[in-house]
Amino acid sequence: MQVQKLKSIVIALLFLLLTFEMASAQQRVVDNQGRSITVFTIGDSTMANKKAEVAPETGWCQVFSAFVDQTVEIKNRAMNGRSTKSFITEGRWKAVLDSLQSGDYVFIQFGHNDQKIKDSTRYTEPFTNYRNNLERFVRETREKGATPILFTSIVRRKFESGFLIDTHGNYPTLVRQVATEMNVPMIDLQLLTAGAVTALGNEASKSIYLWTPSTDKFPEGRKDDTHLRVEGANLVAKLAAQQLILLDNSLAKRIKTK
C-alpha cells in the first residue's frame, strides 16, 4: 500500500515537472524573441478568410499562420469586395486602428476593388484617392507604434497569346511609390505571383486559382482567375514569407518558410 502510494506521488511530481518545463520552454521562446505580437491584415478577398461552403476558395492570409511561430497571432481583417475606400467608410479601418498596440504589424494589400470605376462606393483614382488612403494607413499605423507593411496585389490569371497580361494598371505602381517615399517595407506580390503563374503556364496555373468542377452548389463549376484555392493560397503565403524573413524587424525572426 505504501509502495503504491509512493509511486503515485512520484508520477504526480514527474507530471508537474514536465508541465513546468513545457511552460518554461514556451516562456523562453517569448523571452528570446520578444513579446508576442499581433499581425493585422487588411485588404480584399484574395487575403480574406473564407466560409467552408465556398471551399476550396482560400485567402492567402487565411493560411499565413502556418508561416509564423507560436509567438505571432494573425488577425485577418481582410474582407471580400473591399477597396481602400470602402474599408475606411465602413469603419473597418477604425476597428483595426482601435485594436493596434505598439509593436504590432499591419499587412496592407488593396487594389483589386479600387479599380471598380462604375462603383462609387469602392472606386479610387490611383494617383489621388488610392495614394492618399495608403498613406493614411501607413501614417496612422505608425502613430500607434505599429509597423505597416505594404503589398502589391496578386496577379489575375489572364493569358493572351501565351503571355500573362497585367490587369492592375497603375495601382501596384502607387504602392511601390508610397513604400519608397514613406520608407515602408514592401512585398511585391504582383511581381512574385506573376513569376509563379508564368512559370506554371496557362493550363497548369488553373490549379492554384478557383477552377472547380460542377457541384450541387456550383452546378456550372467555377472558372475564377482572381481568387485562390488552397494550393494557391499556400503558394502566395510562402512567397510572402520568403520575402518577409529578409526584413530587418522583429517579425522576420518569427517567420517560417518550410
C-alpha atoms as a PDB file:
ATOM      1  CA  MET A   1       0.000   0.000   0.000  1.00  0.00           C
ATOM      2  CA  GLN A   2       2.818   2.400   0.951  1.00  0.00           C
ATOM      3  CA  VAL A   3       4.782   1.481  -2.197  1.00  0.00           C
ATOM      4  CA  GLN A   4       1.734   2.137  -4.400  1.00  0.00           C
ATOM      5  CA  LYS A   5       1.165   5.465  -2.686  1.00  0.00           C
ATOM      6  CA  LEU A   6       4.813   6.413  -3.204  1.00  0.00           C
ATOM      7  CA  LYS A   7       4.562   5.544  -6.901  1.00  0.00           C
ATOM      8  CA  SER A   8       1.505   7.779  -7.273  1.00  0.00           C
ATOM      9  CA  ILE A   9       3.335  10.681  -5.633  1.00  0.00           C
ATOM     10  CA  VAL A  10       6.376  10.206  -7.892  1.00  0.00           C
ATOM     11  CA  ILE A  11       4.179  10.112 -11.012  1.00  0.00           C
ATOM     12  CA  ALA A  12       2.370  13.258  -9.911  1.00  0.00           C
ATOM     13  CA  LEU A  13       5.671  15.029  -9.262  1.00  0.00           C
ATOM     14  CA  LEU A  14       7.023  13.982 -12.675  1.00  0.00           C
ATOM     15  CA  PHE A  15       3.860  15.283 -14.349  1.00  0.00           C
ATOM     16  CA  LEU A  16       4.175  18.632 -12.569  1.00  0.00           C
ATOM     17  CA  LEU A  17       7.857  18.851 -13.525  1.00  0.00           C
ATOM     18  CA  LEU A  18       7.086  18.117 -17.181  1.00  0.00           C
ATOM     19  CA  THR A  19       4.310  20.734 -17.214  1.00  0.00           C
ATOM     20  CA  PHE A  20       6.664  23.295 -15.663  1.00  0.00           C
ATOM     21  CA  GLU A  21       9.403  22.532 -18.209  1.00  0.00           C
ATOM     22  CA  MET A  22       6.973  22.923 -21.136  1.00  0.00           C
ATOM     23  CA  ALA A  23       5.738  26.253 -19.792  1.00  0.00           C
ATOM     24  CA  SER A  24       9.314  27.395 -19.213  1.00  0.00           C
ATOM     25  CA  ALA A  25      10.288  26.441 -22.763  1.00  0.00           C
ATOM     26  CA  GLN A  26       7.411  28.449 -24.167  1.00  0.00           C
ATOM     27  CA  GLN A  27       8.366  31.409 -21.997  1.00  0.00           C
ATOM     28  CA  ARG A  28      11.983  31.166 -23.162  1.00  0.00           C
ATOM     29  CA  VAL A  29      10.802  31.423 -26.771  1.00  0.00           C
ATOM     30  CA  VAL A  30       8.951  34.641 -25.954  1.00  0.00           C
ATOM     31  CA  ASP A  31      11.873  35.948 -23.896  1.00  0.00           C
ATOM     32  CA  ASN A  32      14.357  35.194 -26.679  1.00  0.00           C
ATOM     33  CA  GLN A  33      12.308  36.748 -29.444  1.00  0.00           C
ATOM     34  CA  GLY A  34      10.495  39.490 -27.566  1.00  0.00           C
ATOM     35  CA  ARG A  35       6.882  39.696 -26.549  1.00  0.00           C
ATOM     36  CA  SER A  36       4.143  38.050 -28.548  1.00  0.00           C
ATOM     37  CA  ILE A  37       2.975  40.232 -31.410  1.00  0.00           C
ATOM     38  CA  THR A  38      -0.168  40.571 -33.476  1.00  0.00           C
ATOM     39  CA  VAL A  39      -0.305  40.938 -37.238  1.00  0.00           C
ATOM     40  CA  PHE A  40      -3.467  42.596 -38.539  1.00  0.00           C
ATOM     41  CA  THR A  41      -4.154  42.011 -42.222  1.00  0.00           C
ATOM     42  CA  ILE A  42      -6.320  44.432 -44.175  1.00  0.00           C
ATOM     43  CA  GLY A  43      -7.326  44.033 -47.780  1.00  0.00           C
ATOM     44  CA  ASP A  44      -9.671  42.235 -50.154  1.00  0.00           C
ATOM     45  CA  SER A  45     -10.945  38.759 -50.966  1.00  0.00           C
ATOM     46  CA  THR A  46      -7.581  37.447 -52.128  1.00  0.00           C
ATOM     47  CA  MET A  47      -6.468  37.701 -48.461  1.00  0.00           C
ATOM     48  CA  ALA A  48      -9.731  37.117 -46.603  1.00  0.00           C
ATOM     49  CA  ASN A  49     -10.930  34.143 -44.577  1.00  0.00           C
ATOM     50  CA  LYS A  50     -13.498  32.041 -46.437  1.00  0.00           C
ATOM     51  CA  LYS A  51     -16.511  30.076 -45.261  1.00  0.00           C
ATOM     52  CA  ALA A  52     -16.480  26.301 -45.676  1.00  0.00           C
ATOM     53  CA  GLU A  53     -19.376  26.497 -48.127  1.00  0.00           C
ATOM     54  CA  VAL A  54     -17.168  28.097 -50.795  1.00  0.00           C
ATOM     55  CA  ALA A  55     -14.288  25.610 -50.408  1.00  0.00           C
ATOM     56  CA  PRO A  56     -11.716  25.215 -51.811  1.00  0.00           C
ATOM     57  CA  GLU A  57     -11.613  29.034 -52.089  1.00  0.00           C
ATOM     58  CA  THR A  58      -8.996  30.289 -49.622  1.00  0.00           C
ATOM     59  CA  GLY A  59      -7.414  33.675 -48.912  1.00  0.00           C
ATOM     60  CA  TRP A  60      -3.655  33.705 -48.534  1.00  0.00           C
ATOM     61  CA  CYS A  61      -3.793  35.360 -45.100  1.00  0.00           C
ATOM     62  CA  GLN A  62      -6.203  32.621 -44.036  1.00  0.00           C
ATOM     63  CA  VAL A  63      -3.265  30.188 -44.135  1.00  0.00           C
ATOM     64  CA  PHE A  64      -0.471  32.567 -43.163  1.00  0.00           C
ATOM     65  CA  SER A  65      -0.408  31.405 -39.535  1.00  0.00           C
ATOM     66  CA  ALA A  66       1.385  28.274 -40.796  1.00  0.00           C
ATOM     67  CA  PHE A  67       4.326  30.504 -41.753  1.00  0.00           C
ATOM     68  CA  VAL A  68       4.931  32.146 -38.359  1.00  0.00           C
ATOM     69  CA  ASP A  69       5.903  30.753 -34.977  1.00  0.00           C
ATOM     70  CA  GLN A  70       3.714  30.479 -31.905  1.00  0.00           C
ATOM     71  CA  THR A  71       4.541  33.974 -30.665  1.00  0.00           C
ATOM     72  CA  VAL A  72       2.648  35.574 -33.582  1.00  0.00           C
ATOM     73  CA  GLU A  73      -1.122  35.935 -33.765  1.00  0.00           C
ATOM     74  CA  ILE A  74      -2.679  36.628 -37.162  1.00  0.00           C
ATOM     75  CA  LYS A  75      -5.869  38.685 -37.054  1.00  0.00           C
ATOM     76  CA  ASN A  76      -7.175  38.596 -40.600  1.00  0.00           C
ATOM     77  CA  ARG A  77      -9.446  41.602 -41.109  1.00  0.00           C
ATOM     78  CA  ALA A  78      -9.393  41.480 -44.922  1.00  0.00           C
ATOM     79  CA  MET A  79     -12.889  41.324 -46.395  1.00  0.00           C
ATOM     80  CA  ASN A  80     -14.349  40.251 -49.714  1.00  0.00           C
ATOM     81  CA  GLY A  81     -15.030  43.086 -52.147  1.00  0.00           C
ATOM     82  CA  ARG A  82     -13.383  45.883 -50.187  1.00  0.00           C
ATOM     83  CA  SER A  83     -11.282  48.701 -51.566  1.00  0.00           C
ATOM     84  CA  THR A  84      -9.213  51.176 -49.586  1.00  0.00           C
ATOM     85  CA  LYS A  85     -12.218  53.494 -49.728  1.00  0.00           C
ATOM     86  CA  SER A  86     -14.928  51.082 -48.575  1.00  0.00           C
ATOM     87  CA  PHE A  87     -12.649  49.596 -45.906  1.00  0.00           C
ATOM     88  CA  ILE A  88     -12.434  53.059 -44.391  1.00  0.00           C
ATOM     89  CA  THR A  89     -16.028  54.223 -44.893  1.00  0.00           C
ATOM     90  CA  GLU A  90     -17.462  51.022 -43.396  1.00  0.00           C
ATOM     91  CA  GLY A  91     -15.485  51.601 -40.208  1.00  0.00           C
ATOM     92  CA  ARG A  92     -13.286  48.551 -40.683  1.00  0.00           C
ATOM     93  CA  TRP A  93     -10.060  50.520 -40.549  1.00  0.00           C
ATOM     94  CA  LYS A  94     -11.121  52.304 -37.361  1.00  0.00           C
ATOM     95  CA  ALA A  95     -11.803  48.938 -35.731  1.00  0.00           C
ATOM     96  CA  VAL A  96      -8.303  47.752 -36.589  1.00  0.00           C
ATOM     97  CA  LEU A  97      -6.734  51.033 -35.526  1.00  0.00           C
ATOM     98  CA  ASP A  98      -8.510  50.959 -32.164  1.00  0.00           C
ATOM     99  CA  SER A  99      -7.062  47.485 -31.525  1.00  0.00           C
ATOM    100  CA  LEU A 100      -3.477  48.232 -32.560  1.00  0.00           C
ATOM    101  CA  GLN A 101      -0.763  48.034 -29.927  1.00  0.00           C
ATOM    102  CA  SER A 102       2.799  49.241 -30.073  1.00  0.00           C
ATOM    103  CA  GLY A 103       4.939  46.544 -31.673  1.00  0.00           C
ATOM    104  CA  ASP A 104       2.147  45.086 -33.790  1.00  0.00           C
ATOM    105  CA  TYR A 105       2.180  44.846 -37.596  1.00  0.00           C
ATOM    106  CA  VAL A 106      -0.327  45.684 -40.321  1.00  0.00           C
ATOM    107  CA  PHE A 107      -0.259  43.959 -43.723  1.00  0.00           C
ATOM    108  CA  ILE A 108      -1.894  46.226 -46.335  1.00  0.00           C
ATOM    109  CA  GLN A 109      -2.955  44.858 -49.727  1.00  0.00           C
ATOM    110  CA  PHE A 110      -5.618  46.528 -51.852  1.00  0.00           C
ATOM    111  CA  GLY A 111      -6.120  47.372 -55.497  1.00  0.00           C
ATOM    112  CA  HIS A 112      -8.450  44.761 -56.966  1.00  0.00           C
ATOM    113  CA  ASN A 113     -11.595  46.622 -55.940  1.00  0.00           C
ATOM    114  CA  ASP A 114     -10.181  50.134 -56.060  1.00  0.00           C
ATOM    115  CA  GLN A 115     -10.363  49.615 -59.837  1.00  0.00           C
ATOM    116  CA  LYS A 116     -14.179  49.334 -59.848  1.00  0.00           C
ATOM    117  CA  ILE A 117     -14.757  52.583 -61.741  1.00  0.00           C
ATOM    118  CA  LYS A 118     -18.522  52.031 -62.049  1.00  0.00           C
ATOM    119  CA  ASP A 119     -18.948  51.629 -58.282  1.00  0.00           C
ATOM    120  CA  SER A 120     -18.634  54.956 -56.485  1.00  0.00           C
ATOM    121  CA  THR A 121     -18.589  53.260 -53.081  1.00  0.00           C
ATOM    122  CA  ARG A 122     -15.341  51.482 -53.945  1.00  0.00           C
ATOM    123  CA  TYR A 123     -13.521  53.189 -56.797  1.00  0.00           C
ATOM    124  CA  THR A 124     -10.422  55.253 -56.068  1.00  0.00           C
ATOM    125  CA  GLU A 125      -8.365  57.122 -58.636  1.00  0.00           C
ATOM    126  CA  PRO A 126      -4.863  55.674 -58.243  1.00  0.00           C
ATOM    127  CA  PHE A 127      -2.798  58.874 -58.163  1.00  0.00           C
ATOM    128  CA  THR A 128      -5.041  60.705 -55.701  1.00  0.00           C
ATOM    129  CA  ASN A 129      -7.546  58.819 -53.540  1.00  0.00           C
ATOM    130  CA  TYR A 130      -5.758  55.465 -53.625  1.00  0.00           C
ATOM    131  CA  ARG A 131      -2.404  57.046 -52.780  1.00  0.00           C
ATOM    132  CA  ASN A 132      -3.969  59.130 -50.004  1.00  0.00           C
ATOM    133  CA  ASN A 133      -5.647  56.089 -48.461  1.00  0.00           C
ATOM    134  CA  LEU A 134      -2.429  54.071 -48.493  1.00  0.00           C
ATOM    135  CA  GLU A 135      -0.573  56.980 -46.905  1.00  0.00           C
ATOM    136  CA  ARG A 136      -3.271  57.222 -44.248  1.00  0.00           C
ATOM    137  CA  PHE A 137      -2.957  53.518 -43.377  1.00  0.00           C
ATOM    138  CA  VAL A 138       0.808  53.901 -43.060  1.00  0.00           C
ATOM    139  CA  ARG A 139       0.720  57.134 -41.070  1.00  0.00           C
ATOM    140  CA  GLU A 140      -1.961  56.067 -38.600  1.00  0.00           C
ATOM    141  CA  THR A 141      -0.365  52.650 -38.085  1.00  0.00           C
ATOM    142  CA  ARG A 142       2.903  54.321 -37.167  1.00  0.00           C
ATOM    143  CA  GLU A 143       1.151  56.747 -34.840  1.00  0.00           C
ATOM    144  CA  LYS A 144       0.072  53.717 -32.791  1.00  0.00           C
ATOM    145  CA  GLY A 145       3.658  52.452 -32.622  1.00  0.00           C
ATOM    146  CA  ALA A 146       2.929  49.610 -35.019  1.00  0.00           C
ATOM    147  CA  THR A 147       4.687  48.685 -38.269  1.00  0.00           C
ATOM    148  CA  PRO A 148       2.945  48.855 -41.664  1.00  0.00           C
ATOM    149  CA  ILE A 149       3.979  46.528 -44.492  1.00  0.00           C
ATOM    150  CA  LEU A 150       2.643  47.206 -47.977  1.00  0.00           C
ATOM    151  CA  PHE A 151       1.855  44.507 -50.528  1.00  0.00           C
ATOM    152  CA  THR A 152       1.086  44.885 -54.211  1.00  0.00           C
ATOM    153  CA  SER A 153      -1.914  42.892 -55.469  1.00  0.00           C
ATOM    154  CA  ILE A 154      -1.535  39.291 -56.546  1.00  0.00           C
ATOM    155  CA  VAL A 155      -1.946  38.874 -60.307  1.00  0.00           C
ATOM    156  CA  ARG A 156      -5.109  37.775 -62.013  1.00  0.00           C
ATOM    157  CA  ARG A 157      -4.653  34.767 -64.278  1.00  0.00           C
ATOM    158  CA  LYS A 158      -5.083  36.297 -67.723  1.00  0.00           C
ATOM    159  CA  PHE A 159      -3.104  34.904 -70.628  1.00  0.00           C
ATOM    160  CA  GLU A 160      -3.091  36.224 -74.175  1.00  0.00           C
ATOM    161  CA  SER A 161      -1.089  34.511 -76.913  1.00  0.00           C
ATOM    162  CA  GLY A 162       0.734  32.547 -74.219  1.00  0.00           C
ATOM    163  CA  PHE A 163       1.749  35.606 -72.182  1.00  0.00           C
ATOM    164  CA  LEU A 164       0.454  36.705 -68.779  1.00  0.00           C
ATOM    165  CA  ILE A 165      -1.236  40.118 -69.106  1.00  0.00           C
ATOM    166  CA  ASP A 166      -1.228  42.817 -66.421  1.00  0.00           C
ATOM    167  CA  THR A 167      -4.720  43.779 -65.233  1.00  0.00           C
ATOM    168  CA  HIS A 168      -3.944  46.189 -62.386  1.00  0.00           C
ATOM    169  CA  GLY A 169      -2.724  49.242 -64.251  1.00  0.00           C
ATOM    170  CA  ASN A 170      -1.210  51.949 -62.061  1.00  0.00           C
ATOM    171  CA  TYR A 171      -2.315  50.590 -58.686  1.00  0.00           C
ATOM    172  CA  PRO A 172       0.792  48.471 -57.967  1.00  0.00           C
ATOM    173  CA  THR A 173       2.974  51.375 -59.119  1.00  0.00           C
ATOM    174  CA  LEU A 174       1.410  53.610 -56.464  1.00  0.00           C
ATOM    175  CA  VAL A 175       2.079  51.001 -53.770  1.00  0.00           C
ATOM    176  CA  ARG A 176       5.749  50.995 -54.756  1.00  0.00           C
ATOM    177  CA  GLN A 177       5.890  54.785 -54.786  1.00  0.00           C
ATOM    178  CA  VAL A 178       4.317  55.133 -51.344  1.00  0.00           C
ATOM    179  CA  ALA A 179       6.668  52.463 -49.992  1.00  0.00           C
ATOM    180  CA  THR A 180       9.682  54.342 -51.342  1.00  0.00           C
ATOM    181  CA  GLU A 181       8.578  57.828 -50.341  1.00  0.00           C
ATOM    182  CA  MET A 182       7.454  56.858 -46.832  1.00  0.00           C
ATOM    183  CA  ASN A 183      10.200  54.276 -46.249  1.00  0.00           C
ATOM    184  CA  VAL A 184       7.733  51.427 -45.749  1.00  0.00           C
ATOM    185  CA  PRO A 185       8.656  47.743 -46.091  1.00  0.00           C
ATOM    186  CA  MET A 186       7.006  46.425 -49.251  1.00  0.00           C
ATOM    187  CA  ILE A 187       6.448  42.914 -50.596  1.00  0.00           C
ATOM    188  CA  ASP A 188       5.909  42.947 -54.366  1.00  0.00           C
ATOM    189  CA  LEU A 189       3.342  40.180 -54.648  1.00  0.00           C
ATOM    190  CA  GLN A 190       2.407  41.301 -58.150  1.00  0.00           C
ATOM    191  CA  LEU A 191       5.933  40.587 -59.335  1.00  0.00           C
ATOM    192  CA  LEU A 192       6.280  37.379 -57.315  1.00  0.00           C
ATOM    193  CA  THR A 193       2.943  35.889 -58.338  1.00  0.00           C
ATOM    194  CA  ALA A 194       3.464  36.913 -61.963  1.00  0.00           C
ATOM    195  CA  GLY A 195       6.660  34.890 -61.943  1.00  0.00           C
ATOM    196  CA  ALA A 196       4.971  31.884 -60.348  1.00  0.00           C
ATOM    197  CA  VAL A 197       1.946  31.949 -62.672  1.00  0.00           C
ATOM    198  CA  THR A 198       4.112  32.449 -65.754  1.00  0.00           C
ATOM    199  CA  ALA A 199       6.309  29.510 -64.731  1.00  0.00           C
ATOM    200  CA  LEU A 200       3.252  27.285 -64.375  1.00  0.00           C
ATOM    201  CA  GLY A 201       1.807  28.413 -67.692  1.00  0.00           C
ATOM    202  CA  ASN A 202      -1.736  28.886 -68.904  1.00  0.00           C
ATOM    203  CA  GLU A 203      -3.163  25.452 -68.136  1.00  0.00           C
ATOM    204  CA  ALA A 204      -1.218  24.410 -65.041  1.00  0.00           C
ATOM    205  CA  SER A 205      -1.877  27.758 -63.325  1.00  0.00           C
ATOM    206  CA  LYS A 206      -5.567  26.874 -63.144  1.00  0.00           C
ATOM    207  CA  SER A 207      -4.586  24.536 -60.302  1.00  0.00           C
ATOM    208  CA  ILE A 208      -3.884  27.467 -57.959  1.00  0.00           C
ATOM    209  CA  TYR A 209      -6.897  29.589 -58.899  1.00  0.00           C
ATOM    210  CA  LEU A 210     -10.543  28.780 -58.319  1.00  0.00           C
ATOM    211  CA  TRP A 211     -11.216  26.466 -61.240  1.00  0.00           C
ATOM    212  CA  THR A 212     -13.544  23.779 -59.925  1.00  0.00           C
ATOM    213  CA  PRO A 213     -15.837  21.134 -61.428  1.00  0.00           C
ATOM    214  CA  SER A 214     -19.613  21.135 -61.207  1.00  0.00           C
ATOM    215  CA  THR A 215     -21.133  20.670 -57.741  1.00  0.00           C
ATOM    216  CA  ASP A 216     -24.619  20.992 -56.249  1.00  0.00           C
ATOM    217  CA  LYS A 217     -23.774  24.498 -55.012  1.00  0.00           C
ATOM    218  CA  PHE A 218     -21.947  25.478 -58.202  1.00  0.00           C
ATOM    219  CA  PRO A 219     -23.625  23.429 -60.950  1.00  0.00           C
ATOM    220  CA  GLU A 220     -21.659  25.148 -63.697  1.00  0.00           C
ATOM    221  CA  GLY A 221     -18.375  24.851 -61.845  1.00  0.00           C
ATOM    222  CA  ARG A 222     -16.123  27.840 -61.306  1.00  0.00           C
ATOM    223  CA  LYS A 223     -13.638  29.450 -63.673  1.00  0.00           C
ATOM    224  CA  ASP A 224     -12.324  32.183 -61.422  1.00  0.00           C
ATOM    225  CA  ASP A 225      -8.979  33.732 -62.367  1.00  0.00           C
ATOM    226  CA  THR A 226      -8.826  36.128 -59.403  1.00  0.00           C
ATOM    227  CA  HIS A 227      -9.437  34.060 -56.286  1.00  0.00           C
ATOM    228  CA  LEU A 228      -7.279  31.273 -54.933  1.00  0.00           C
ATOM    229  CA  ARG A 229      -7.841  27.688 -53.953  1.00  0.00           C
ATOM    230  CA  VAL A 230      -5.920  26.175 -51.023  1.00  0.00           C
ATOM    231  CA  GLU A 231      -2.856  25.383 -53.107  1.00  0.00           C
ATOM    232  CA  GLY A 232      -2.706  28.929 -54.438  1.00  0.00           C
ATOM    233  CA  ALA A 233      -3.195  30.480 -51.016  1.00  0.00           C
ATOM    234  CA  ASN A 234      -0.320  28.434 -49.611  1.00  0.00           C
ATOM    235  CA  LEU A 235       1.876  29.371 -52.565  1.00  0.00           C
ATOM    236  CA  VAL A 236       1.223  33.102 -52.124  1.00  0.00           C
ATOM    237  CA  ALA A 237       1.679  32.890 -48.337  1.00  0.00           C
ATOM    238  CA  LYS A 238       5.005  31.136 -48.851  1.00  0.00           C
ATOM    239  CA  LEU A 239       6.147  33.730 -51.403  1.00  0.00           C
ATOM    240  CA  ALA A 240       5.271  36.458 -48.905  1.00  0.00           C
ATOM    241  CA  ALA A 241       7.044  34.652 -46.060  1.00  0.00           C
ATOM    242  CA  GLN A 242      10.208  34.201 -48.129  1.00  0.00           C
ATOM    243  CA  GLN A 243      10.402  37.982 -48.529  1.00  0.00           C
ATOM    244  CA  LEU A 244       9.275  38.919 -45.023  1.00  0.00           C
ATOM    245  CA  ILE A 245      12.061  36.843 -43.482  1.00  0.00           C
ATOM    246  CA  LEU A 246      14.589  39.120 -45.213  1.00  0.00           C
ATOM    247  CA  LEU A 247      13.345  42.257 -43.466  1.00  0.00           C
ATOM    248  CA  ASP A 248      15.129  43.793 -40.502  1.00  0.00           C
ATOM    249  CA  ASN A 249      12.384  43.705 -37.873  1.00  0.00           C
ATOM    250  CA  SER A 250      11.030  41.569 -35.059  1.00  0.00           C
ATOM    251  CA  LEU A 251       8.531  39.777 -37.303  1.00  0.00           C
ATOM    252  CA  ALA A 252      11.246  38.487 -39.644  1.00  0.00           C
ATOM    253  CA  LYS A 253      12.742  36.474 -36.801  1.00  0.00           C
ATOM    254  CA  ARG A 254       9.437  34.645 -36.328  1.00  0.00           C
ATOM    255  CA  ILE A 255       8.802  33.651 -39.956  1.00  0.00           C
ATOM    256  CA  LYS A 256       8.848  30.013 -41.069  1.00  0.00           C
ATOM    257  CA  THR A 257       9.218  29.221 -44.777  1.00  0.00           C
ATOM    258  CA  LYS A 258       9.158  25.411 -44.720  1.00  0.00           C
END
